[in-house]
Amino acid sequence: MVGIILATHGEFAEGILQSGTMIFGEQENVKAITLMPSEGPEDIKAKMEAAIASFDSQDEVLFLVDLWGGTPFNQANGLYEEHKDKWAIVAGLNLPMLIESFASRFSMNSAQEIAKAILTPGQEGVRVKPEELQPQPQEAAVAEQPKADLAPGTVVGDGKIKFVLARVDSRLLHGQVATAWTKSTNPTRIIVVSDAVAKDDLRKKLIEQAAPPGVKANVIPVDKMIEIAKDTRFGNTKALLLFENPQDVLRAVEGGVEIEQVNVGSMAHSVGKAVVSKVLAMGQEDVEAFEKLKAKGIKFDVRKVPNDSSANMDDIIKKAKVELKAQ
């Protein structure tokens, strides 16, 4: 696995590593290196050398630094000169770049390959509101010609929409989903399935804007999801489904949406619910919905991010029942 060094002025490296870990999970062979006001070039160089020595392998190392030409860059560059055939340095460290580097390590074994892959996400992560302040490309890309609407009954591919992930998450589309889960499942479309959110124009707009580059996001009610699941025109679609609660998942399954496994990520606490873990709180209706899904043969994958170990759903439901009975 490619080793990653985050090197910055001050404690920025430690802070952004913590943020990246919150979104993508704990990472091996990643070190944060800080240059503090009382330290000099040799100090940060020594920290870099110690960090590299701690990696499982020193063959492939990627430096992500804050500022081109700054001391962290200069010291990384000195080390890079001895390994320029394999190592790489990218300056301008930001969170989208860091998350992309974590995701890229699933499929890339070269530091230079990852360095190339993270440039565009790092650049696309710099955006502004109001949107008219965003600089426009000097040469406008040729607009893609819209495709004519396919007639009902048209069969695309095998005629069946592919569900790469069905997740229960009360926060719906947020950082962990837009980055970690999207990168690990590679959907072409993120679909938020919620009657309530589908009626809320502001929430719909925010969700659509939160979609990662290259992936479209839609918000639809449960009945519409049932309709789409049976529409043969969506045969080439790879969908990541997001539900606020298990009751909506149950409605979708009972309506004919062919979901085989549900990822249980986050369920917020509210009055009448029992806290069963750091990120899960369940009420009686939640427990009943999960049990009905289990009876239908649905499997459960209980984890926040792909790197986490899956918890046992049976144990969680038992705990919820005990806690709810004690209320």
C-alpha atoms as a PDB file:
ATOM      1  CA  MET A   1       0.000   0.000   0.000  1.00  0.00           C
ATOM      2  CA  VAL A   2       1.255   3.476  -0.905  1.00  0.00           C
ATOM      3  CA  GLY A   3       2.430   5.394   2.158  1.00  0.00           C
ATOM      4  CA  ILE A   4       1.125   8.949   2.533  1.00  0.00           C
ATOM      5  CA  ILE A   5       2.887  11.829   4.309  1.00  0.00           C
ATOM      6  CA  LEU A   6       0.835  14.937   5.136  1.00  0.00           C
ATOM      7  CA  ALA A   7       3.292  17.763   5.766  1.00  0.00           C
ATOM      8  CA  THR A   8       2.224  21.306   6.680  1.00  0.00           C
ATOM      9  CA  HIS A   9       3.054  24.470   8.570  1.00  0.00           C
ATOM     10  CA  GLY A  10       1.541  24.223  12.049  1.00  0.00           C
ATOM     11  CA  GLU A  11      -1.051  21.627  13.070  1.00  0.00           C
ATOM     12  CA  PHE A  12      -2.950  21.690   9.783  1.00  0.00           C
ATOM     13  CA  ALA A  13      -1.687  18.203   8.865  1.00  0.00           C
ATOM     14  CA  GLU A  14      -2.995  16.653  12.073  1.00  0.00           C
ATOM     15  CA  GLY A  15      -6.354  18.397  11.753  1.00  0.00           C
ATOM     16  CA  ILE A  16      -6.985  17.410   8.157  1.00  0.00           C
ATOM     17  CA  LEU A  17      -5.949  13.818   8.899  1.00  0.00           C
ATOM     18  CA  GLN A  18      -8.526  13.737  11.685  1.00  0.00           C
ATOM     19  CA  SER A  19     -11.171  15.109   9.291  1.00  0.00           C
ATOM     20  CA  GLY A  20     -10.267  12.571   6.624  1.00  0.00           C
ATOM     21  CA  THR A  21     -10.460   9.764   9.168  1.00  0.00           C
ATOM     22  CA  MET A  22     -13.927  10.877  10.304  1.00  0.00           C
ATOM     23  CA  ILE A  23     -15.156  10.618   6.728  1.00  0.00           C
ATOM     24  CA  PHE A  24     -13.209   7.644   5.387  1.00  0.00           C
ATOM     25  CA  GLY A  25     -12.210   5.640   8.467  1.00  0.00           C
ATOM     26  CA  GLU A  26      -8.864   4.833  10.058  1.00  0.00           C
ATOM     27  CA  GLN A  27      -5.957   4.562   7.616  1.00  0.00           C
ATOM     28  CA  GLU A  28      -2.763   2.559   7.694  1.00  0.00           C
ATOM     29  CA  ASN A  29       0.562   3.958   6.459  1.00  0.00           C
ATOM     30  CA  VAL A  30      -0.515   7.595   6.751  1.00  0.00           C
ATOM     31  CA  LYS A  31       1.404  10.092   8.901  1.00  0.00           C
ATOM     32  CA  ALA A  32       0.838  13.768   9.707  1.00  0.00           C
ATOM     33  CA  ILE A  33       4.020  15.841   9.894  1.00  0.00           C
ATOM     34  CA  THR A  34       3.927  19.337  11.410  1.00  0.00           C
ATOM     35  CA  LEU A  35       6.425  22.182  11.231  1.00  0.00           C
ATOM     36  CA  MET A  36       5.975  24.183  14.433  1.00  0.00           C
ATOM     37  CA  PRO A  37       7.159  27.792  14.934  1.00  0.00           C
ATOM     38  CA  SER A  38      10.108  26.714  17.084  1.00  0.00           C
ATOM     39  CA  GLU A  39      11.339  24.139  14.542  1.00  0.00           C
ATOM     40  CA  GLY A  40      13.523  24.334  11.451  1.00  0.00           C
ATOM     41  CA  PRO A  41      14.020  22.432   8.183  1.00  0.00           C
ATOM     42  CA  GLU A  42      16.092  19.642   9.746  1.00  0.00           C
ATOM     43  CA  ASP A  43      13.376  18.983  12.326  1.00  0.00           C
ATOM     44  CA  ILE A  44      10.664  18.348   9.769  1.00  0.00           C
ATOM     45  CA  LYS A  45      13.050  16.327   7.615  1.00  0.00           C
ATOM     46  CA  ALA A  46      13.782  14.061  10.588  1.00  0.00           C
ATOM     47  CA  LYS A  47      10.052  13.622  11.214  1.00  0.00           C
ATOM     48  CA  MET A  48       9.507  12.681   7.568  1.00  0.00           C
ATOM     49  CA  GLU A  49      12.291  10.130   7.623  1.00  0.00           C
ATOM     50  CA  ALA A  50      10.920   8.553  10.814  1.00  0.00           C
ATOM     51  CA  ALA A  51       7.419   8.410   9.356  1.00  0.00           C
ATOM     52  CA  ILE A  52       8.606   6.774   6.144  1.00  0.00           C
ATOM     53  CA  ALA A  53      10.628   4.231   8.128  1.00  0.00           C
ATOM     54  CA  SER A  54       7.429   3.258   9.991  1.00  0.00           C
ATOM     55  CA  PHE A  55       5.588   2.314   6.774  1.00  0.00           C
ATOM     56  CA  ASP A  56       5.209  -1.328   5.786  1.00  0.00           C
ATOM     57  CA  SER A  57       7.135  -0.481   2.615  1.00  0.00           C
ATOM     58  CA  GLN A  58       9.163   2.523   1.541  1.00  0.00           C
ATOM     59  CA  ASP A  59       8.948   1.770  -2.196  1.00  0.00           C
ATOM     60  CA  GLU A  60       5.923   3.976  -2.858  1.00  0.00           C
ATOM     61  CA  VAL A  61       5.505   7.239  -0.921  1.00  0.00           C
ATOM     62  CA  LEU A  62       3.203  10.167  -1.670  1.00  0.00           C
ATOM     63  CA  PHE A  63       3.780  13.570  -0.023  1.00  0.00           C
ATOM     64  CA  LEU A  64       0.768  15.880   0.295  1.00  0.00           C
ATOM     65  CA  VAL A  65       2.012  19.307   1.370  1.00  0.00           C
ATOM     66  CA  ASP A  66       0.282  22.598   1.995  1.00  0.00           C
ATOM     67  CA  LEU A  67       2.374  25.079   0.018  1.00  0.00           C
ATOM     68  CA  TRP A  68       4.589  24.728  -3.041  1.00  0.00           C
ATOM     69  CA  GLY A  69       8.005  26.125  -2.193  1.00  0.00           C
ATOM     70  CA  GLY A  70       7.414  26.126   1.572  1.00  0.00           C
ATOM     71  CA  THR A  71       9.693  24.337   4.048  1.00  0.00           C
ATOM     72  CA  PRO A  72       7.585  21.132   4.149  1.00  0.00           C
ATOM     73  CA  PHE A  73       7.683  21.000   0.341  1.00  0.00           C
ATOM     74  CA  ASN A  74      11.406  21.731   0.187  1.00  0.00           C
ATOM     75  CA  GLN A  75      12.284  18.967   2.638  1.00  0.00           C
ATOM     76  CA  ALA A  76       9.960  16.500   0.927  1.00  0.00           C
ATOM     77  CA  ASN A  77      11.540  17.453  -2.374  1.00  0.00           C
ATOM     78  CA  GLY A  78      15.012  16.692  -1.037  1.00  0.00           C
ATOM     79  CA  LEU A  79      13.911  13.189  -0.050  1.00  0.00           C
ATOM     80  CA  TYR A  80      12.014  12.747  -3.313  1.00  0.00           C
ATOM     81  CA  GLU A  81      15.154  13.382  -5.396  1.00  0.00           C
ATOM     82  CA  GLU A  82      16.532  10.001  -4.335  1.00  0.00           C
ATOM     83  CA  HIS A  83      13.323   8.189  -5.321  1.00  0.00           C
ATOM     84  CA  LYS A  84      11.908  10.236  -8.197  1.00  0.00           C
ATOM     85  CA  ASP A  85      11.173   7.121 -10.243  1.00  0.00           C
ATOM     86  CA  LYS A  86       8.424   6.091  -7.783  1.00  0.00           C
ATOM     87  CA  TRP A  87       7.663   8.774  -5.187  1.00  0.00           C
ATOM     88  CA  ALA A  88       5.519  11.869  -5.800  1.00  0.00           C
ATOM     89  CA  ILE A  89       4.664  15.244  -4.235  1.00  0.00           C
ATOM     90  CA  VAL A  90       1.397  17.166  -4.541  1.00  0.00           C
ATOM     91  CA  ALA A  91       1.053  20.673  -3.105  1.00  0.00           C
ATOM     92  CA  GLY A  92      -2.152  22.527  -2.209  1.00  0.00           C
ATOM     93  CA  LEU A  93      -3.470  19.907   0.217  1.00  0.00           C
ATOM     94  CA  ASN A  94      -7.221  20.038   0.808  1.00  0.00           C
ATOM     95  CA  LEU A  95      -9.823  17.594   2.117  1.00  0.00           C
ATOM     96  CA  PRO A  96     -11.229  16.424  -1.261  1.00  0.00           C
ATOM     97  CA  MET A  97      -7.657  15.664  -2.350  1.00  0.00           C
ATOM     98  CA  LEU A  98      -6.933  13.711   0.819  1.00  0.00           C
ATOM     99  CA  ILE A  99     -10.120  11.653   0.622  1.00  0.00           C
ATOM    100  CA  GLU A 100      -9.456  10.863  -3.031  1.00  0.00           C
ATOM    101  CA  SER A 101      -5.965   9.661  -2.116  1.00  0.00           C
ATOM    102  CA  PHE A 102      -7.438   7.312   0.496  1.00  0.00           C
ATOM    103  CA  ALA A 103      -9.969   5.957  -2.005  1.00  0.00           C
ATOM    104  CA  SER A 104      -7.370   5.593  -4.757  1.00  0.00           C
ATOM    105  CA  ARG A 105      -5.297   3.246  -2.622  1.00  0.00           C
ATOM    106  CA  PHE A 106      -8.026   0.606  -3.075  1.00  0.00           C
ATOM    107  CA  SER A 107      -7.171   0.263  -6.750  1.00  0.00           C
ATOM    108  CA  MET A 108      -3.780   1.948  -7.274  1.00  0.00           C
ATOM    109  CA  ASN A 109      -0.395   0.758  -6.061  1.00  0.00           C
ATOM    110  CA  SER A 110       1.709   3.614  -7.437  1.00  0.00           C
ATOM    111  CA  ALA A 111       2.321   6.927  -5.669  1.00  0.00           C
ATOM    112  CA  GLN A 112       2.645   8.709  -9.000  1.00  0.00           C
ATOM    113  CA  GLU A 113      -0.581   7.178 -10.287  1.00  0.00           C
ATOM    114  CA  ILE A 114      -2.434   8.378  -7.177  1.00  0.00           C
ATOM    115  CA  ALA A 115      -0.814  11.824  -7.457  1.00  0.00           C
ATOM    116  CA  LYS A 116      -2.255  12.160 -10.949  1.00  0.00           C
ATOM    117  CA  ALA A 117      -5.685  10.899  -9.871  1.00  0.00           C
ATOM    118  CA  ILE A 118      -6.124  13.368  -6.992  1.00  0.00           C
ATOM    119  CA  LEU A 119      -5.374  16.579  -8.906  1.00  0.00           C
ATOM    120  CA  THR A 120      -8.826  17.002 -10.443  1.00  0.00           C
ATOM    121  CA  PRO A 121     -10.804  16.281  -7.226  1.00  0.00           C
ATOM    122  CA  GLY A 122      -8.541  18.701  -5.356  1.00  0.00           C
ATOM    123  CA  GLN A 123      -9.196  21.418  -7.924  1.00  0.00           C
ATOM    124  CA  GLU A 124     -12.926  20.697  -8.194  1.00  0.00           C
ATOM    125  CA  GLY A 125     -13.200  20.954  -4.410  1.00  0.00           C
ATOM    126  CA  VAL A 126     -12.482  24.698  -4.643  1.00  0.00           C
ATOM    127  CA  ARG A 127     -15.888  26.220  -5.360  1.00  0.00           C
ATOM    128  CA  VAL A 128     -17.693  29.442  -4.517  1.00  0.00           C
ATOM    129  CA  LYS A 129     -21.155  30.818  -3.807  1.00  0.00           C
ATOM    130  CA  PRO A 130     -22.688  32.798  -5.435  1.00  0.00           C
ATOM    131  CA  GLU A 131     -21.888  30.535  -8.340  1.00  0.00           C
ATOM    132  CA  GLU A 132     -21.475  33.417 -10.812  1.00  0.00           C
ATOM    133  CA  LEU A 133     -18.198  34.230  -9.034  1.00  0.00           C
ATOM    134  CA  GLN A 134     -16.757  30.911 -10.189  1.00  0.00           C
ATOM    135  CA  PRO A 135     -14.313  31.527 -13.064  1.00  0.00           C
ATOM    136  CA  GLN A 136     -15.451  29.994 -16.324  1.00  0.00           C
ATOM    137  CA  PRO A 137     -13.104  27.871 -18.447  1.00  0.00           C
ATOM    138  CA  GLN A 138     -11.431  29.888 -21.179  1.00  0.00           C
ATOM    139  CA  GLU A 139     -12.601  27.411 -23.767  1.00  0.00           C
ATOM    140  CA  ALA A 140     -16.090  26.153 -23.229  1.00  0.00           C
ATOM    141  CA  ALA A 141     -16.478  22.437 -23.666  1.00  0.00           C
ATOM    142  CA  VAL A 142     -18.706  21.262 -26.453  1.00  0.00           C
ATOM    143  CA  ALA A 143     -22.133  20.719 -24.963  1.00  0.00           C
ATOM    144  CA  GLU A 144     -23.284  17.145 -24.891  1.00  0.00           C
ATOM    145  CA  GLN A 145     -26.259  16.638 -27.130  1.00  0.00           C
ATOM    146  CA  PRO A 146     -29.317  15.611 -25.116  1.00  0.00           C
ATOM    147  CA  LYS A 147     -30.579  12.154 -25.899  1.00  0.00           C
ATOM    148  CA  ALA A 148     -34.163  11.742 -26.995  1.00  0.00           C
ATOM    149  CA  ASP A 149     -36.460  10.340 -24.313  1.00  0.00           C
ATOM    150  CA  LEU A 150     -36.774   6.593 -24.561  1.00  0.00           C
ATOM    151  CA  ALA A 151     -40.269   5.308 -25.076  1.00  0.00           C
ATOM    152  CA  PRO A 152     -41.864   3.387 -22.188  1.00  0.00           C
ATOM    153  CA  GLY A 153     -41.150  -0.305 -22.533  1.00  0.00           C
ATOM    154  CA  THR A 154     -37.743   0.235 -24.129  1.00  0.00           C
ATOM    155  CA  VAL A 155     -35.258  -2.261 -22.677  1.00  0.00           C
ATOM    156  CA  VAL A 156     -31.801  -0.854 -21.929  1.00  0.00           C
ATOM    157  CA  GLY A 157     -29.111  -3.404 -21.098  1.00  0.00           C
ATOM    158  CA  ASP A 158     -30.760  -6.247 -19.227  1.00  0.00           C
ATOM    159  CA  GLY A 159     -33.606  -3.957 -18.206  1.00  0.00           C
ATOM    160  CA  LYS A 160     -32.816  -4.059 -14.487  1.00  0.00           C
ATOM    161  CA  ILE A 161     -31.424  -1.211 -12.406  1.00  0.00           C
ATOM    162  CA  LYS A 162     -28.339  -2.280 -10.394  1.00  0.00           C
ATOM    163  CA  PHE A 163     -28.296  -1.405  -6.684  1.00  0.00           C
ATOM    164  CA  VAL A 164     -24.646  -1.113  -5.663  1.00  0.00           C
ATOM    165  CA  LEU A 165     -25.603  -0.019  -2.133  1.00  0.00           C
ATOM    166  CA  ALA A 166     -28.811   0.526  -0.156  1.00  0.00           C
ATOM    167  CA  ARG A 167     -28.049   2.490   3.005  1.00  0.00           C
ATOM    168  CA  VAL A 168     -30.065   3.662   6.006  1.00  0.00           C
ATOM    169  CA  ASP A 169     -28.611   6.984   7.115  1.00  0.00           C
ATOM    170  CA  SER A 170     -30.636   9.736   8.780  1.00  0.00           C
ATOM    171  CA  ARG A 171     -28.118  12.262   7.450  1.00  0.00           C
ATOM    172  CA  LEU A 172     -28.648  10.989   3.886  1.00  0.00           C
ATOM    173  CA  LEU A 173     -26.020  12.416   1.501  1.00  0.00           C
ATOM    174  CA  HIS A 174     -23.025  13.697   3.484  1.00  0.00           C
ATOM    175  CA  GLY A 175     -19.237  13.442   3.381  1.00  0.00           C
ATOM    176  CA  GLN A 176     -18.905   9.747   4.217  1.00  0.00           C
ATOM    177  CA  VAL A 177     -21.416   8.800   1.532  1.00  0.00           C
ATOM    178  CA  ALA A 178     -20.264  11.277  -1.119  1.00  0.00           C
ATOM    179  CA  THR A 179     -16.687  10.105  -0.805  1.00  0.00           C
ATOM    180  CA  ALA A 180     -15.998   6.791   0.919  1.00  0.00           C
ATOM    181  CA  TRP A 181     -19.095   4.864  -0.134  1.00  0.00           C
ATOM    182  CA  THR A 182     -19.283   6.391  -3.592  1.00  0.00           C
ATOM    183  CA  LYS A 183     -15.651   5.504  -4.258  1.00  0.00           C
ATOM    184  CA  SER A 184     -16.034   1.937  -3.026  1.00  0.00           C
ATOM    185  CA  THR A 185     -19.278   1.179  -4.919  1.00  0.00           C
ATOM    186  CA  ASN A 186     -18.913   3.336  -8.079  1.00  0.00           C
ATOM    187  CA  PRO A 187     -22.556   4.280  -8.705  1.00  0.00           C
ATOM    188  CA  THR A 188     -23.661   6.309 -11.715  1.00  0.00           C
ATOM    189  CA  ARG A 189     -26.479   7.825  -9.687  1.00  0.00           C
ATOM    190  CA  ILE A 190     -27.254   8.506  -6.027  1.00  0.00           C
ATOM    191  CA  ILE A 191     -30.963   8.275  -5.233  1.00  0.00           C
ATOM    192  CA  VAL A 192     -32.339   9.628  -1.960  1.00  0.00           C
ATOM    193  CA  VAL A 193     -35.622   7.803  -1.327  1.00  0.00           C
ATOM    194  CA  SER A 194     -37.805   9.845   1.029  1.00  0.00           C
ATOM    195  CA  ASP A 195     -41.349  11.172   0.856  1.00  0.00           C
ATOM    196  CA  ALA A 196     -40.522  14.018   3.247  1.00  0.00           C
ATOM    197  CA  VAL A 197     -37.359  15.201   1.508  1.00  0.00           C
ATOM    198  CA  ALA A 198     -38.976  14.931  -1.928  1.00  0.00           C
ATOM    199  CA  LYS A 199     -41.463  17.611  -0.803  1.00  0.00           C
ATOM    200  CA  ASP A 200     -38.736  19.920   0.541  1.00  0.00           C
ATOM    201  CA  ASP A 201     -37.300  21.947  -2.344  1.00  0.00           C
ATOM    202  CA  LEU A 202     -34.431  23.372  -0.283  1.00  0.00           C
ATOM    203  CA  ARG A 203     -33.247  19.980   0.999  1.00  0.00           C
ATOM    204  CA  LYS A 204     -33.564  18.530  -2.497  1.00  0.00           C
ATOM    205  CA  LYS A 205     -31.387  21.293  -3.922  1.00  0.00           C
ATOM    206  CA  LEU A 206     -28.742  20.907  -1.220  1.00  0.00           C
ATOM    207  CA  ILE A 207     -28.572  17.153  -1.778  1.00  0.00           C
ATOM    208  CA  GLU A 208     -28.271  17.533  -5.545  1.00  0.00           C
ATOM    209  CA  GLN A 209     -25.430  20.033  -5.066  1.00  0.00           C
ATOM    210  CA  ALA A 210     -23.636  17.702  -2.628  1.00  0.00           C
ATOM    211  CA  ALA A 211     -23.211  14.952  -5.212  1.00  0.00           C
ATOM    212  CA  PRO A 212     -19.560  14.116  -5.938  1.00  0.00           C
ATOM    213  CA  PRO A 213     -18.127  14.931  -9.383  1.00  0.00           C
ATOM    214  CA  GLY A 214     -19.317  12.583 -12.101  1.00  0.00           C
ATOM    215  CA  VAL A 215     -22.315  11.256 -10.149  1.00  0.00           C
ATOM    216  CA  LYS A 216     -25.843  12.641 -10.374  1.00  0.00           C
ATOM    217  CA  ALA A 217     -28.084  12.831  -7.310  1.00  0.00           C
ATOM    218  CA  ASN A 218     -31.883  12.695  -7.259  1.00  0.00           C
ATOM    219  CA  VAL A 219     -34.505  12.835  -4.526  1.00  0.00           C
ATOM    220  CA  ILE A 220     -37.699  10.840  -5.068  1.00  0.00           C
ATOM    221  CA  PRO A 221     -40.579   9.495  -2.946  1.00  0.00           C
ATOM    222  CA  VAL A 222     -40.809   5.803  -2.131  1.00  0.00           C
ATOM    223  CA  ASP A 223     -43.580   5.110  -4.655  1.00  0.00           C
ATOM    224  CA  LYS A 224     -41.481   6.631  -7.432  1.00  0.00           C
ATOM    225  CA  MET A 225     -38.565   4.367  -6.466  1.00  0.00           C
ATOM    226  CA  ILE A 226     -40.861   1.362  -6.764  1.00  0.00           C
ATOM    227  CA  GLU A 227     -41.916   2.565 -10.210  1.00  0.00           C
ATOM    228  CA  ILE A 228     -38.340   3.153 -11.379  1.00  0.00           C
ATOM    229  CA  ALA A 229     -37.208  -0.268 -10.148  1.00  0.00           C
ATOM    230  CA  LYS A 230     -39.631  -1.833 -12.627  1.00  0.00           C
ATOM    231  CA  ASP A 231     -38.758   0.462 -15.538  1.00  0.00           C
ATOM    232  CA  THR A 232     -36.654  -1.350 -18.133  1.00  0.00           C
ATOM    233  CA  ARG A 233     -35.198   1.946 -19.395  1.00  0.00           C
ATOM    234  CA  PHE A 234     -32.900   2.074 -16.330  1.00  0.00           C
ATOM    235  CA  GLY A 235     -31.039  -1.124 -17.207  1.00  0.00           C
ATOM    236  CA  ASN A 236     -27.650   0.614 -17.403  1.00  0.00           C
ATOM    237  CA  THR A 237     -28.025   2.516 -14.118  1.00  0.00           C
ATOM    238  CA  LYS A 238     -25.893   1.662 -11.085  1.00  0.00           C
ATOM    239  CA  ALA A 239     -27.692   3.235  -8.132  1.00  0.00           C
ATOM    240  CA  LEU A 240     -26.697   3.978  -4.567  1.00  0.00           C
ATOM    241  CA  LEU A 241     -29.926   4.248  -2.558  1.00  0.00           C
ATOM    242  CA  LEU A 242     -30.172   6.344   0.610  1.00  0.00           C
ATOM    243  CA  PHE A 243     -33.049   5.944   3.058  1.00  0.00           C
ATOM    244  CA  GLU A 244     -33.706   7.962   6.235  1.00  0.00           C
ATOM    245  CA  ASN A 245     -35.210   4.994   8.083  1.00  0.00           C
ATOM    246  CA  PRO A 246     -35.837   1.247   7.758  1.00  0.00           C
ATOM    247  CA  GLN A 247     -39.587   1.766   7.366  1.00  0.00           C
ATOM    248  CA  ASP A 248     -39.020   3.317   3.942  1.00  0.00           C
ATOM    249  CA  VAL A 249     -36.714   0.437   3.003  1.00  0.00           C
ATOM    250  CA  LEU A 250     -39.454  -2.008   3.978  1.00  0.00           C
ATOM    251  CA  ARG A 251     -42.023  -0.135   1.868  1.00  0.00           C
ATOM    252  CA  ALA A 252     -39.682  -0.230  -1.101  1.00  0.00           C
ATOM    253  CA  VAL A 253     -38.964  -3.955  -0.722  1.00  0.00           C
ATOM    254  CA  GLU A 254     -42.651  -4.771  -0.292  1.00  0.00           C
ATOM    255  CA  GLY A 255     -43.309  -2.741  -3.449  1.00  0.00           C
ATOM    256  CA  GLY A 256     -40.925  -4.876  -5.474  1.00  0.00           C
ATOM    257  CA  VAL A 257     -37.551  -3.114  -5.195  1.00  0.00           C
ATOM    258  CA  GLU A 258     -35.048  -5.984  -5.255  1.00  0.00           C
ATOM    259  CA  ILE A 259     -32.703  -5.078  -2.407  1.00  0.00           C
ATOM    260  CA  GLU A 260     -30.617  -7.967  -1.094  1.00  0.00           C
ATOM    261  CA  GLN A 261     -28.570  -6.198   1.580  1.00  0.00           C
ATOM    262  CA  VAL A 262     -28.986  -3.017   3.633  1.00  0.00           C
ATOM    263  CA  ASN A 263     -26.049  -1.022   4.932  1.00  0.00           C
ATOM    264  CA  VAL A 264     -27.023   0.491   8.299  1.00  0.00           C
ATOM    265  CA  GLY A 265     -24.873   3.561   8.792  1.00  0.00           C
ATOM    266  CA  SER A 266     -26.397   6.214  11.029  1.00  0.00           C
ATOM    267  CA  MET A 267     -29.743   6.673  12.782  1.00  0.00           C
ATOM    268  CA  ALA A 268     -30.185   9.837  14.808  1.00  0.00           C
ATOM    269  CA  HIS A 269     -31.543   9.853  18.347  1.00  0.00           C
ATOM    270  CA  SER A 270     -34.918  11.392  19.138  1.00  0.00           C
ATOM    271  CA  VAL A 271     -37.516  11.146  21.905  1.00  0.00           C
ATOM    272  CA  GLY A 272     -38.636   7.572  22.456  1.00  0.00           C
ATOM    273  CA  LYS A 273     -35.620   5.971  20.790  1.00  0.00           C
ATOM    274  CA  ALA A 274     -32.997   3.823  22.486  1.00  0.00           C
ATOM    275  CA  VAL A 275     -29.305   4.503  21.900  1.00  0.00           C
ATOM    276  CA  VAL A 276     -27.674   1.227  20.852  1.00  0.00           C
ATOM    277  CA  SER A 277     -24.290   2.521  19.619  1.00  0.00           C
ATOM    278  CA  LYS A 278     -22.414   5.759  19.028  1.00  0.00           C
ATOM    279  CA  VAL A 279     -24.240   6.299  15.742  1.00  0.00           C
ATOM    280  CA  LEU A 280     -27.436   4.245  16.033  1.00  0.00           C
ATOM    281  CA  ALA A 281     -30.643   4.931  17.923  1.00  0.00           C
ATOM    282  CA  MET A 282     -33.803   2.873  17.357  1.00  0.00           C
ATOM    283  CA  GLY A 283     -37.464   3.156  18.207  1.00  0.00           C
ATOM    284  CA  GLN A 284     -40.011   0.351  18.300  1.00  0.00           C
ATOM    285  CA  GLU A 285     -41.042   0.986  14.680  1.00  0.00           C
ATOM    286  CA  ASP A 286     -37.410   0.759  13.586  1.00  0.00           C
ATOM    287  CA  VAL A 287     -36.950  -2.593  15.340  1.00  0.00           C
ATOM    288  CA  GLU A 288     -40.120  -3.979  13.800  1.00  0.00           C
ATOM    289  CA  ALA A 289     -39.103  -2.816  10.316  1.00  0.00           C
ATOM    290  CA  PHE A 290     -35.672  -4.404  10.604  1.00  0.00           C
ATOM    291  CA  GLU A 291     -37.191  -7.680  11.810  1.00  0.00           C
ATOM    292  CA  LYS A 292     -39.611  -7.732   8.883  1.00  0.00           C
ATOM    293  CA  LEU A 293     -36.748  -7.077   6.476  1.00  0.00           C
ATOM    294  CA  LYS A 294     -34.792  -9.931   8.042  1.00  0.00           C
ATOM    295  CA  ALA A 295     -37.798 -12.231   7.663  1.00  0.00           C
ATOM    296  CA  LYS A 296     -37.775 -11.403   3.939  1.00  0.00           C
ATOM    297  CA  GLY A 297     -34.177 -12.603   3.689  1.00  0.00           C
ATOM    298  CA  ILE A 298     -32.549  -9.171   3.666  1.00  0.00           C
ATOM    299  CA  LYS A 299     -28.992  -9.165   5.011  1.00  0.00           C
ATOM    300  CA  PHE A 300     -27.482  -6.318   7.027  1.00  0.00           C
ATOM    301  CA  ASP A 301     -24.092  -4.623   6.909  1.00  0.00           C
ATOM    302  CA  VAL A 302     -23.749  -2.376   9.965  1.00  0.00           C
ATOM    303  CA  ARG A 303     -20.884   0.096   9.513  1.00  0.00           C
ATOM    304  CA  LYS A 304     -20.327   3.806   8.913  1.00  0.00           C
ATOM    305  CA  VAL A 305     -17.560   3.597   6.310  1.00  0.00           C
ATOM    306  CA  PRO A 306     -16.096   0.835   4.136  1.00  0.00           C
ATOM    307  CA  ASN A 307     -12.998   0.436   6.323  1.00  0.00           C
ATOM    308  CA  ASP A 308     -15.029  -0.318   9.466  1.00  0.00           C
ATOM    309  CA  SER A 309     -15.779  -3.859  10.608  1.00  0.00           C
ATOM    310  CA  SER A 310     -19.429  -4.827  10.306  1.00  0.00           C
ATOM    311  CA  ALA A 311     -21.338  -5.115  13.598  1.00  0.00           C
ATOM    312  CA  ASN A 312     -23.824  -7.910  14.343  1.00  0.00           C
ATOM    313  CA  MET A 313     -27.359  -6.752  13.573  1.00  0.00           C
ATOM    314  CA  ASP A 314     -28.999  -9.422  15.731  1.00  0.00           C
ATOM    315  CA  ASP A 315     -27.089  -8.184  18.776  1.00  0.00           C
ATOM    316  CA  ILE A 316     -28.049  -4.588  18.001  1.00  0.00           C
ATOM    317  CA  ILE A 317     -31.743  -5.435  17.714  1.00  0.00           C
ATOM    318  CA  LYS A 318     -31.631  -7.391  20.984  1.00  0.00           C
ATOM    319  CA  LYS A 319     -30.013  -4.426  22.739  1.00  0.00           C
ATOM    320  CA  ALA A 320     -32.607  -2.072  21.293  1.00  0.00           C
ATOM    321  CA  LYS A 321     -35.437  -4.252  22.593  1.00  0.00           C
ATOM    322  CA  VAL A 322     -33.946  -4.347  26.085  1.00  0.00           C
ATOM    323  CA  GLU A 323     -33.361  -0.591  26.154  1.00  0.00           C
ATOM    324  CA  LEU A 324     -36.834   0.207  24.808  1.00  0.00           C
ATOM    325  CA  LYS A 325     -38.477  -2.093  27.356  1.00  0.00           C
ATOM    326  CA  ALA A 326     -36.602  -0.342  30.172  1.00  0.00           C
ATOM    327  CA  GLN A 327     -37.852   3.091  29.151  1.00  0.00           C
END
